Protein backbone atom coordinates (compact mmCIF):
# COMPACT_ATOMS: atom_id res chain seq x y z
CA MET A 1 -33.83 69.06 -15.12
CA LEU A 2 -35.46 72.40 -14.30
CA LYS A 3 -33.42 75.48 -15.11
CA LYS A 4 -35.33 77.66 -12.65
CA HIS A 5 -37.10 76.89 -9.39
CA ASP A 6 -39.12 80.08 -9.06
CA ILE A 7 -42.64 79.59 -7.73
CA ASN A 8 -45.18 81.50 -9.78
CA PRO A 9 -48.41 81.18 -7.75
CA ASN A 10 -51.34 79.89 -9.81
CA ILE A 11 -48.98 79.49 -12.81
CA GLY A 12 -46.30 76.92 -11.94
CA LEU A 13 -42.67 76.33 -10.96
CA GLY A 14 -39.91 77.40 -13.31
CA GLU A 15 -40.75 75.84 -16.68
CA LEU A 16 -43.56 73.70 -15.17
CA THR A 17 -46.90 75.28 -16.05
CA PHE A 18 -50.26 74.29 -14.59
CA GLY A 19 -52.70 72.96 -17.18
CA ILE A 20 -50.27 70.96 -19.33
CA ALA A 21 -51.54 67.47 -20.23
CA ILE A 22 -49.72 64.50 -18.70
CA ASP A 23 -48.59 63.08 -22.07
CA GLU A 24 -47.17 66.44 -23.17
CA PHE A 25 -45.44 66.83 -19.80
CA ILE A 26 -43.72 63.44 -20.05
CA GLU A 27 -42.67 64.18 -23.62
CA GLN A 28 -41.12 67.46 -22.48
CA PHE A 29 -39.59 66.41 -19.12
CA GLY A 30 -39.06 62.67 -19.54
CA GLN A 31 -40.24 59.62 -17.66
CA ALA A 32 -40.64 59.95 -13.90
CA GLU A 33 -38.47 58.00 -11.50
CA ASP A 34 -41.58 56.85 -9.66
CA MET A 35 -45.35 57.07 -10.14
CA ASP A 36 -48.42 56.77 -7.88
CA THR A 37 -52.11 56.70 -8.77
CA ILE A 38 -54.92 57.82 -6.47
CA GLU A 39 -58.47 56.86 -7.39
CA GLU A 40 -60.33 57.75 -4.17
CA ASP A 41 -62.79 60.08 -5.87
CA GLU A 42 -65.20 58.92 -8.60
CA GLN A 43 -65.20 62.45 -10.02
CA MET A 44 -61.43 62.82 -10.21
CA ASN A 45 -58.32 60.68 -10.69
CA THR A 46 -54.87 61.79 -9.60
CA THR A 47 -51.52 60.63 -10.97
CA LEU A 48 -48.32 61.62 -9.18
CA LEU A 49 -45.04 61.66 -11.05
CA HIS A 50 -41.95 61.85 -8.86
CA TYR A 51 -38.70 63.33 -10.14
CA TRP A 52 -36.63 62.73 -7.00
CA LYS A 53 -33.31 63.80 -8.54
CA GLY A 54 -34.93 67.02 -9.76
CA GLY A 55 -36.35 67.81 -6.34
CA PHE A 56 -40.02 67.86 -7.33
CA SER A 57 -43.18 65.82 -7.80
CA VAL A 58 -46.15 66.75 -9.97
CA PHE A 59 -49.86 65.99 -9.54
CA PHE A 60 -52.05 65.43 -12.60
CA VAL A 61 -55.79 65.64 -11.94
CA GLY A 62 -58.86 64.92 -14.06
CA LEU A 63 -61.15 62.11 -15.11
CA ALA A 64 -60.81 61.88 -18.89
CA ASN A 65 -58.16 64.56 -19.34
CA GLN A 66 -55.49 64.75 -16.63
CA ILE A 67 -53.65 68.07 -16.38
CA LEU A 68 -50.90 69.39 -14.13
CA ALA A 69 -52.69 70.76 -11.07
CA GLY A 70 -50.15 70.53 -8.25
CA ILE A 71 -46.43 70.70 -7.61
CA GLU A 72 -44.41 69.64 -4.60
CA THR A 73 -40.78 70.66 -4.20
CA ASP A 74 -37.90 70.35 -1.78
CA HIS A 75 -35.27 71.71 -4.16
CA PRO A 76 -32.82 73.96 -2.27
CA ASP A 77 -32.98 76.66 -4.98
CA THR A 78 -36.77 77.07 -4.75
CA THR A 79 -37.74 80.74 -4.56
CA LEU A 80 -40.97 82.53 -3.71
CA PHE A 81 -41.33 86.29 -4.19
CA GLY A 82 -37.63 86.42 -5.09
CA SER A 83 -36.40 84.73 -1.87
CA LYS A 84 -35.03 81.23 -1.40
CA ILE A 85 -37.40 79.46 0.96
CA MET A 86 -36.01 76.00 1.79
CA GLY A 87 -34.52 76.09 5.27
CA LEU A 88 -36.47 79.18 6.37
CA THR A 89 -37.94 79.17 9.86
CA GLU A 90 -41.68 79.34 10.34
CA ALA A 91 -41.44 83.00 11.41
CA GLU A 92 -39.31 83.91 8.37
CA LEU A 93 -41.77 82.28 5.96
CA ILE A 94 -44.79 83.91 7.63
CA ALA A 95 -43.06 87.29 7.34
CA LEU A 96 -42.22 86.70 3.65
CA LEU A 97 -45.82 85.87 2.81
CA LYS A 98 -47.20 88.70 4.94
CA ASN A 99 -44.87 91.19 3.23
CA ASN A 100 -46.37 90.01 -0.06
CA GLY A 101 -50.00 90.41 1.00
CA HIS A 102 -50.79 86.97 2.41
CA SER A 103 -51.32 86.92 6.16
CA THR A 104 -54.13 84.38 6.59
CA PHE A 105 -53.06 80.79 7.17
CA GLU A 106 -53.83 77.70 9.21
CA ARG A 107 -51.23 75.99 11.36
CA GLU A 108 -51.30 72.27 12.11
CA VAL A 109 -48.90 70.29 14.28
CA GLU A 110 -48.48 66.57 13.63
CA GLU A 111 -45.94 64.81 15.87
CA ASN A 112 -42.71 66.76 15.22
CA ASP A 113 -43.83 68.36 11.95
CA ILE A 114 -45.63 71.66 11.39
CA ARG A 115 -47.73 72.54 8.35
CA LEU A 116 -48.72 76.06 7.39
CA SER A 117 -51.57 76.20 4.86
CA TYR A 118 -52.45 79.27 2.83
CA ASP A 119 -55.55 79.43 0.62
CA PHE A 120 -53.44 81.57 -1.72
CA SER A 121 -52.48 79.18 -4.55
CA MET A 122 -53.35 76.26 -2.23
CA MET A 123 -49.89 76.52 -0.65
CA ASP A 124 -48.78 74.15 2.10
CA PHE A 125 -45.40 74.52 3.80
CA PHE A 126 -43.92 71.67 5.88
CA PHE A 127 -41.42 72.26 8.68
CA ARG A 128 -39.29 69.76 10.57
CA GLU A 129 -36.93 70.73 13.38
CA GLY A 130 -37.87 74.35 12.85
CA LYS A 131 -36.91 74.55 9.15
CA LEU A 132 -38.92 74.41 5.92
CA ILE A 133 -38.18 71.05 4.28
CA TYR A 134 -40.72 71.01 1.42
CA MET A 135 -43.83 72.72 0.11
CA ASN A 136 -46.63 72.16 -2.37
CA PHE A 137 -49.04 74.38 -4.26
CA GLY A 138 -51.58 74.10 -7.02
CA VAL A 139 -54.80 75.05 -8.73
CA PHE A 140 -58.35 73.72 -8.68
CA VAL A 141 -59.39 71.51 -11.62
CA ASP A 142 -62.98 70.72 -12.63
CA GLU A 143 -64.20 67.27 -13.73
CA ASP A 144 -63.59 68.20 -17.39
CA GLY A 145 -59.90 68.65 -16.67
CA ASP A 146 -59.95 72.45 -16.90
CA ILE A 147 -58.39 74.86 -14.40
CA GLU A 148 -61.04 76.65 -12.37
CA ARG A 149 -60.31 80.36 -12.32
CA VAL A 150 -60.94 81.79 -8.88
């Protein structure tokens, strides 16, 4: 489905670009294999489209106009700063981000899983048994469905 799996912080993943409308996305990438809707916030609705075979899920956020605001991936070819990241250890990922100017993060342990969260591009990295198994990243969207530039 995707030709490239390069993470471009604050821009997207491969051909997936933040800010695209949900209808345009589906027209371009096809129907999702699964879909979830989250309506916890009166100011914002979230629709998740899961492309399991493609190794990614996308989050569309907005009230009247939902746009692509988040991406989650576990695809083995996912790269960040030119390096494949799936399967990296926590120390290897921290070093990669630090070498690219991002050394501030929060670490949370939940049962056997570890999550590293970076404010940079709202990145969250999830480790199980010492290896990165998936990550997500995104942008902030205002109630009008526009990306907030930080």
